[in-house]
Amino acid sequence: MPQIPDMGELIRLAQTPAGQKLITLLKSQGGSGLQRAITSAAAGDYSHAREILSNLLSTPEAQTLLKELEGQK
């Protein structure tokens, strides 16, 4: 299982062009799903949040952006 980056690293990645595109993509394609994932995570239900995000991030465009972010670590 991949290690979760610290909050500073997540913020840094979110501010990159690929991170901004990924956030926009998630908001546009997964609006309510993204909100449900955030709500689940905030309530401590990480498995449900992971399941929702996994579905949202499985699109080819999201996968391309994730690979780009991986290269920016």
PDB file of N, CA and C in Angstrom:
ATOM      1  N   MET A   1       0.842  -1.172   0.000  1.00  0.00           N
ATOM      2  CA  MET A   1       0.000   0.000   0.000  1.00  0.00           C
ATOM      3  C   MET A   1       0.892   1.242   0.000  1.00  0.00           C
ATOM      4  N   PRO A   2       0.651   2.194  -0.911  1.00  0.00           N
ATOM      5  CA  PRO A   2       1.500   3.377  -0.974  1.00  0.00           C
ATOM      6  C   PRO A   2       1.360   4.225   0.289  1.00  0.00           C
ATOM      7  N   GLN A   3       2.449   4.846   0.667  1.00  0.00           N
ATOM      8  CA  GLN A   3       2.450   5.706   1.838  1.00  0.00           C
ATOM      9  C   GLN A   3       1.744   7.018   1.504  1.00  0.00           C
ATOM     10  N   ILE A   4       0.935   7.499   2.430  1.00  0.00           N
ATOM     11  CA  ILE A   4       0.230   8.761   2.246  1.00  0.00           C
ATOM     12  C   ILE A   4       1.207   9.892   2.538  1.00  0.00           C
ATOM     13  N   PRO A   5       1.339  10.863   1.620  1.00  0.00           N
ATOM     14  CA  PRO A   5       2.265  11.965   1.864  1.00  0.00           C
ATOM     15  C   PRO A   5       1.763  12.851   2.998  1.00  0.00           C
ATOM     16  N   ASP A   6       2.687  13.590   3.614  1.00  0.00           N
ATOM     17  CA  ASP A   6       2.264  14.491   4.675  1.00  0.00           C
ATOM     18  C   ASP A   6       1.460  15.650   4.084  1.00  0.00           C
ATOM     19  N   MET A   7       0.797  16.399   4.943  1.00  0.00           N
ATOM     20  CA  MET A   7      -0.100  17.469   4.497  1.00  0.00           C
ATOM     21  C   MET A   7       0.637  18.511   3.663  1.00  0.00           C
ATOM     22  N   GLY A   8       1.860  18.848   4.045  1.00  0.00           N
ATOM     23  CA  GLY A   8       2.633  19.819   3.276  1.00  0.00           C
ATOM     24  C   GLY A   8       2.879  19.346   1.850  1.00  0.00           C
ATOM     25  N   GLU A   9       3.156  18.063   1.713  1.00  0.00           N
ATOM     26  CA  GLU A   9       3.384  17.491   0.384  1.00  0.00           C
ATOM     27  C   GLU A   9       2.089  17.499  -0.425  1.00  0.00           C
ATOM     28  N   LEU A  10       0.976  17.177   0.208  1.00  0.00           N
ATOM     29  CA  LEU A  10      -0.311  17.207  -0.496  1.00  0.00           C
ATOM     30  C   LEU A  10      -0.648  18.609  -0.973  1.00  0.00           C
ATOM     31  N   ILE A  11      -0.394  19.590  -0.130  1.00  0.00           N
ATOM     32  CA  ILE A  11      -0.665  20.979  -0.514  1.00  0.00           C
ATOM     33  C   ILE A  11       0.235  21.386  -1.675  1.00  0.00           C
ATOM     34  N   ARG A  12       1.503  21.012  -1.596  1.00  0.00           N
ATOM     35  CA  ARG A  12       2.436  21.351  -2.680  1.00  0.00           C
ATOM     36  C   ARG A  12       1.979  20.726  -3.998  1.00  0.00           C
ATOM     37  N   LEU A  13       1.596  19.451  -3.960  1.00  0.00           N
ATOM     38  CA  LEU A  13       1.139  18.780  -5.179  1.00  0.00           C
ATOM     39  C   LEU A  13      -0.163  19.377  -5.700  1.00  0.00           C
ATOM     40  N   ALA A  14      -1.040  19.774  -4.794  1.00  0.00           N
ATOM     41  CA  ALA A  14      -2.323  20.359  -5.202  1.00  0.00           C
ATOM     42  C   ALA A  14      -2.128  21.704  -5.894  1.00  0.00           C
ATOM     43  N   GLN A  15      -1.010  22.363  -5.626  1.00  0.00           N
ATOM     44  CA  GLN A  15      -0.757  23.673  -6.218  1.00  0.00           C
ATOM     45  C   GLN A  15      -0.034  23.602  -7.558  1.00  0.00           C
ATOM     46  N   THR A  16       0.351  22.407  -7.979  1.00  0.00           N
ATOM     47  CA  THR A  16       1.010  22.267  -9.283  1.00  0.00           C
ATOM     48  C   THR A  16      -0.048  22.319 -10.384  1.00  0.00           C
ATOM     49  N   PRO A  17       0.364  22.589 -11.634  1.00  0.00           N
ATOM     50  CA  PRO A  17      -0.611  22.586 -12.721  1.00  0.00           C
ATOM     51  C   PRO A  17      -1.381  21.264 -12.833  1.00  0.00           C
ATOM     52  N   ALA A  18      -0.686  20.131 -12.691  1.00  0.00           N
ATOM     53  CA  ALA A  18      -1.361  18.836 -12.772  1.00  0.00           C
ATOM     54  C   ALA A  18      -2.316  18.664 -11.594  1.00  0.00           C
ATOM     55  N   GLY A  19      -1.924  19.117 -10.422  1.00  0.00           N
ATOM     56  CA  GLY A  19      -2.787  19.042  -9.248  1.00  0.00           C
ATOM     57  C   GLY A  19      -4.041  19.870  -9.421  1.00  0.00           C
ATOM     58  N   GLN A  20      -3.891  21.063  -9.970  1.00  0.00           N
ATOM     59  CA  GLN A  20      -5.047  21.922 -10.215  1.00  0.00           C
ATOM     60  C   GLN A  20      -5.994  21.296 -11.247  1.00  0.00           C
ATOM     61  N   LYS A  21      -5.416  20.696 -12.290  1.00  0.00           N
ATOM     62  CA  LYS A  21      -6.246  20.030 -13.303  1.00  0.00           C
ATOM     63  C   LYS A  21      -6.995  18.849 -12.692  1.00  0.00           C
ATOM     64  N   LEU A  22      -6.318  18.099 -11.832  1.00  0.00           N
ATOM     65  CA  LEU A  22      -6.951  16.943 -11.203  1.00  0.00           C
ATOM     66  C   LEU A  22      -8.090  17.380 -10.283  1.00  0.00           C
ATOM     67  N   ILE A  23      -7.885  18.436  -9.518  1.00  0.00           N
ATOM     68  CA  ILE A  23      -8.936  18.954  -8.647  1.00  0.00           C
ATOM     69  C   ILE A  23     -10.135  19.403  -9.473  1.00  0.00           C
ATOM     70  N   THR A  24      -9.880  20.116 -10.553  1.00  0.00           N
ATOM     71  CA  THR A  24     -10.961  20.563 -11.439  1.00  0.00           C
ATOM     72  C   THR A  24     -11.704  19.373 -12.032  1.00  0.00           C
ATOM     73  N   LEU A  25     -10.952  18.363 -12.466  1.00  0.00           N
ATOM     74  CA  LEU A  25     -11.556  17.157 -13.033  1.00  0.00           C
ATOM     75  C   LEU A  25     -12.439  16.465 -11.999  1.00  0.00           C
ATOM     76  N   LEU A  26     -11.941  16.304 -10.789  1.00  0.00           N
ATOM     77  CA  LEU A  26     -12.721  15.648  -9.744  1.00  0.00           C
ATOM     78  C   LEU A  26     -13.985  16.430  -9.410  1.00  0.00           C
ATOM     79  N   LYS A  27     -13.869  17.748  -9.378  1.00  0.00           N
ATOM     80  CA  LYS A  27     -15.045  18.569  -9.097  1.00  0.00           C
ATOM     81  C   LYS A  27     -16.075  18.471 -10.214  1.00  0.00           C
ATOM     82  N   SER A  28     -15.602  18.468 -11.459  1.00  0.00           N
ATOM     83  CA  SER A  28     -16.543  18.456 -12.579  1.00  0.00           C
ATOM     84  C   SER A  28     -17.159  17.085 -12.816  1.00  0.00           C
ATOM     85  N   GLN A  29     -16.386  16.030 -12.649  1.00  0.00           N
ATOM     86  CA  GLN A  29     -16.888  14.686 -12.930  1.00  0.00           C
ATOM     87  C   GLN A  29     -17.463  13.996 -11.702  1.00  0.00           C
ATOM     88  N   GLY A  30     -17.030  14.413 -10.541  1.00  0.00           N
ATOM     89  CA  GLY A  30     -17.432  13.672  -9.356  1.00  0.00           C
ATOM     90  C   GLY A  30     -18.100  14.496  -8.298  1.00  0.00           C
ATOM     91  N   GLY A  31     -18.523  15.698  -8.623  1.00  0.00           N
ATOM     92  CA  GLY A  31     -19.110  16.634  -7.671  1.00  0.00           C
ATOM     93  C   GLY A  31     -19.657  16.029  -6.394  1.00  0.00           C
ATOM     94  N   SER A  32     -20.796  15.369  -6.465  1.00  0.00           N
ATOM     95  CA  SER A  32     -21.411  14.828  -5.253  1.00  0.00           C
ATOM     96  C   SER A  32     -20.603  13.648  -4.712  1.00  0.00           C
ATOM     97  N   GLY A  33     -19.985  12.873  -5.597  1.00  0.00           N
ATOM     98  CA  GLY A  33     -19.154  11.757  -5.154  1.00  0.00           C
ATOM     99  C   GLY A  33     -17.958  12.248  -4.375  1.00  0.00           C
ATOM    100  N   LEU A  34     -17.352  13.307  -4.854  1.00  0.00           N
ATOM    101  CA  LEU A  34     -16.205  13.889  -4.155  1.00  0.00           C
ATOM    102  C   LEU A  34     -16.634  14.382  -2.776  1.00  0.00           C
ATOM    103  N   GLN A  35     -17.777  15.020  -2.698  1.00  0.00           N
ATOM    104  CA  GLN A  35     -18.280  15.503  -1.409  1.00  0.00           C
ATOM    105  C   GLN A  35     -18.561  14.336  -0.470  1.00  0.00           C
ATOM    106  N   ARG A  36     -19.108  13.243  -0.997  1.00  0.00           N
ATOM    107  CA  ARG A  36     -19.366  12.063  -0.158  1.00  0.00           C
ATOM    108  C   ARG A  36     -18.054  11.475   0.356  1.00  0.00           C
ATOM    109  N   ALA A  37     -17.028  11.461  -0.493  1.00  0.00           N
ATOM    110  CA  ALA A  37     -15.722  10.943  -0.072  1.00  0.00           C
ATOM    111  C   ALA A  37     -15.137  11.800   1.045  1.00  0.00           C
ATOM    112  N   ILE A  38     -15.247  13.104   0.911  1.00  0.00           N
ATOM    113  CA  ILE A  38     -14.735  14.017   1.939  1.00  0.00           C
ATOM    114  C   ILE A  38     -15.503  13.821   3.243  1.00  0.00           C
ATOM    115  N   THR A  39     -16.808  13.709   3.145  1.00  0.00           N
ATOM    116  CA  THR A  39     -17.640  13.509   4.331  1.00  0.00           C
ATOM    117  C   THR A  39     -17.311  12.187   5.008  1.00  0.00           C
ATOM    118  N   SER A  40     -17.139  11.143   4.219  1.00  0.00           N
ATOM    119  CA  SER A  40     -16.789   9.831   4.778  1.00  0.00           C
ATOM    120  C   SER A  40     -15.441   9.875   5.487  1.00  0.00           C
ATOM    121  N   ALA A  41     -14.470  10.507   4.843  1.00  0.00           N
ATOM    122  CA  ALA A  41     -13.137  10.603   5.446  1.00  0.00           C
ATOM    123  C   ALA A  41     -13.187  11.412   6.739  1.00  0.00           C
ATOM    124  N   ALA A  42     -13.941  12.500   6.731  1.00  0.00           N
ATOM    125  CA  ALA A  42     -14.051  13.329   7.933  1.00  0.00           C
ATOM    126  C   ALA A  42     -14.696  12.564   9.084  1.00  0.00           C
ATOM    127  N   ALA A  43     -15.572  11.620   8.731  1.00  0.00           N
ATOM    128  CA  ALA A  43     -16.243  10.812   9.752  1.00  0.00           C
ATOM    129  C   ALA A  43     -15.405   9.592  10.143  1.00  0.00           C
ATOM    130  N   GLY A  44     -14.251   9.436   9.511  1.00  0.00           N
ATOM    131  CA  GLY A  44     -13.374   8.320   9.847  1.00  0.00           C
ATOM    132  C   GLY A  44     -13.602   7.064   9.023  1.00  0.00           C
ATOM    133  N   ASP A  45     -14.495   7.131   8.042  1.00  0.00           N
ATOM    134  CA  ASP A  45     -14.783   5.975   7.185  1.00  0.00           C
ATOM    135  C   ASP A  45     -13.879   6.032   5.952  1.00  0.00           C
ATOM    136  N   TYR A  46     -12.606   5.716   6.170  1.00  0.00           N
ATOM    137  CA  TYR A  46     -11.615   5.845   5.104  1.00  0.00           C
ATOM    138  C   TYR A  46     -11.802   4.823   3.998  1.00  0.00           C
ATOM    139  N   SER A  47     -12.305   3.655   4.320  1.00  0.00           N
ATOM    140  CA  SER A  47     -12.495   2.644   3.277  1.00  0.00           C
ATOM    141  C   SER A  47     -13.564   3.088   2.286  1.00  0.00           C
ATOM    142  N   HIS A  48     -14.633   3.710   2.771  1.00  0.00           N
ATOM    143  CA  HIS A  48     -15.668   4.206   1.858  1.00  0.00           C
ATOM    144  C   HIS A  48     -15.137   5.373   1.032  1.00  0.00           C
ATOM    145  N   ALA A  49     -14.398   6.277   1.675  1.00  0.00           N
ATOM    146  CA  ALA A  49     -13.809   7.410   0.966  1.00  0.00           C
ATOM    147  C   ALA A  49     -12.855   6.910  -0.115  1.00  0.00           C
ATOM    148  N   ARG A  50     -12.036   5.904   0.226  1.00  0.00           N
ATOM    149  CA  ARG A  50     -11.080   5.345  -0.732  1.00  0.00           C
ATOM    150  C   ARG A  50     -11.811   4.711  -1.921  1.00  0.00           C
ATOM    151  N   GLU A  51     -12.910   4.020  -1.637  1.00  0.00           N
ATOM    152  CA  GLU A  51     -13.691   3.381  -2.697  1.00  0.00           C
ATOM    153  C   GLU A  51     -14.260   4.424  -3.668  1.00  0.00           C
ATOM    154  N   ILE A  52     -14.819   5.490  -3.131  1.00  0.00           N
ATOM    155  CA  ILE A  52     -15.380   6.553  -3.977  1.00  0.00           C
ATOM    156  C   ILE A  52     -14.281   7.197  -4.807  1.00  0.00           C
ATOM    157  N   LEU A  53     -13.170   7.561  -4.161  1.00  0.00           N
ATOM    158  CA  LEU A  53     -12.075   8.218  -4.878  1.00  0.00           C
ATOM    159  C   LEU A  53     -11.460   7.292  -5.917  1.00  0.00           C
ATOM    160  N   SER A  54     -11.383   6.019  -5.600  1.00  0.00           N
ATOM    161  CA  SER A  54     -10.838   5.057  -6.557  1.00  0.00           C
ATOM    162  C   SER A  54     -11.651   5.058  -7.848  1.00  0.00           C
ATOM    163  N   ASN A  55     -12.961   5.101  -7.705  1.00  0.00           N
ATOM    164  CA  ASN A  55     -13.827   5.158  -8.891  1.00  0.00           C
ATOM    165  C   ASN A  55     -13.613   6.451  -9.668  1.00  0.00           C
ATOM    166  N   LEU A  56     -13.514   7.568  -8.954  1.00  0.00           N
ATOM    167  CA  LEU A  56     -13.329   8.860  -9.612  1.00  0.00           C
ATOM    168  C   LEU A  56     -11.971   8.953 -10.303  1.00  0.00           C
ATOM    169  N   LEU A  57     -10.954   8.335  -9.698  1.00  0.00           N
ATOM    170  CA  LEU A  57      -9.594   8.441 -10.224  1.00  0.00           C
ATOM    171  C   LEU A  57      -9.258   7.371 -11.253  1.00  0.00           C
ATOM    172  N   SER A  58     -10.215   6.524 -11.598  1.00  0.00           N
ATOM    173  CA  SER A  58      -9.939   5.444 -12.544  1.00  0.00           C
ATOM    174  C   SER A  58     -10.075   5.865 -14.005  1.00  0.00           C
ATOM    175  N   THR A  59     -10.507   7.086 -14.262  1.00  0.00           N
ATOM    176  CA  THR A  59     -10.653   7.534 -15.650  1.00  0.00           C
ATOM    177  C   THR A  59      -9.273   7.724 -16.280  1.00  0.00           C
ATOM    178  N   PRO A  60      -9.180   7.584 -17.598  1.00  0.00           N
ATOM    179  CA  PRO A  60      -7.877   7.769 -18.254  1.00  0.00           C
ATOM    180  C   PRO A  60      -7.265   9.147 -17.998  1.00  0.00           C
ATOM    181  N   GLU A  61      -8.083  10.191 -18.011  1.00  0.00           N
ATOM    182  CA  GLU A  61      -7.556  11.540 -17.786  1.00  0.00           C
ATOM    183  C   GLU A  61      -7.007  11.672 -16.366  1.00  0.00           C
ATOM    184  N   ALA A  62      -7.721  11.140 -15.387  1.00  0.00           N
ATOM    185  CA  ALA A  62      -7.244  11.193 -14.001  1.00  0.00           C
ATOM    186  C   ALA A  62      -5.958  10.390 -13.848  1.00  0.00           C
ATOM    187  N   GLN A  63      -5.884   9.238 -14.490  1.00  0.00           N
ATOM    188  CA  GLN A  63      -4.680   8.408 -14.404  1.00  0.00           C
ATOM    189  C   GLN A  63      -3.472   9.140 -14.986  1.00  0.00           C
ATOM    190  N   THR A  64      -3.657   9.843 -16.085  1.00  0.00           N
ATOM    191  CA  THR A  64      -2.570  10.617 -16.694  1.00  0.00           C
ATOM    192  C   THR A  64      -2.077  11.698 -15.731  1.00  0.00           C
ATOM    193  N   LEU A  65      -3.018  12.403 -15.105  1.00  0.00           N
ATOM    194  CA  LEU A  65      -2.645  13.461 -14.156  1.00  0.00           C
ATOM    195  C   LEU A  65      -1.964  12.886 -12.920  1.00  0.00           C
ATOM    196  N   LEU A  66      -2.431  11.735 -12.445  1.00  0.00           N
ATOM    197  CA  LEU A  66      -1.793  11.099 -11.289  1.00  0.00           C
ATOM    198  C   LEU A  66      -0.357  10.692 -11.600  1.00  0.00           C
ATOM    199  N   LYS A  67      -0.121  10.186 -12.807  1.00  0.00           N
ATOM    200  CA  LYS A  67       1.240   9.825 -13.195  1.00  0.00           C
ATOM    201  C   LYS A  67       2.130  11.061 -13.264  1.00  0.00           C
ATOM    202  N   GLU A  68       1.570  12.157 -13.753  1.00  0.00           N
ATOM    203  CA  GLU A  68       2.324  13.409 -13.807  1.00  0.00           C
ATOM    204  C   GLU A  68       2.666  13.890 -12.389  1.00  0.00           C
ATOM    205  N   LEU A  69       1.711  13.793 -11.482  1.00  0.00           N
ATOM    206  CA  LEU A  69       1.967  14.184 -10.084  1.00  0.00           C
ATOM    207  C   LEU A  69       3.004  13.269  -9.448  1.00  0.00           C
ATOM    208  N   GLU A  70       2.944  12.002  -9.752  1.00  0.00           N
ATOM    209  CA  GLU A  70       3.919  11.048  -9.196  1.00  0.00           C
ATOM    210  C   GLU A  70       5.334  11.464  -9.586  1.00  0.00           C
ATOM    211  N   GLY A  71       5.509  11.965 -10.795  1.00  0.00           N
ATOM    212  CA  GLY A  71       6.815  12.392 -11.261  1.00  0.00           C
ATOM    213  C   GLY A  71       7.293  13.686 -10.601  1.00  0.00           C
ATOM    214  N   GLN A  72       6.386  14.399  -9.939  1.00  0.00           N
ATOM    215  CA  GLN A  72       6.738  15.674  -9.313  1.00  0.00           C
ATOM    216  C   GLN A  72       7.101  15.534  -7.844  1.00  0.00           C
ATOM    217  N   LYS A  73       7.092  14.318  -7.324  1.00  0.00           N
ATOM    218  CA  LYS A  73       7.441  14.114  -5.914  1.00  0.00           C
ATOM    219  C   LYS A  73       8.910  14.335  -5.686  1.00  0.00           C
TER     220      LYS A  73
END
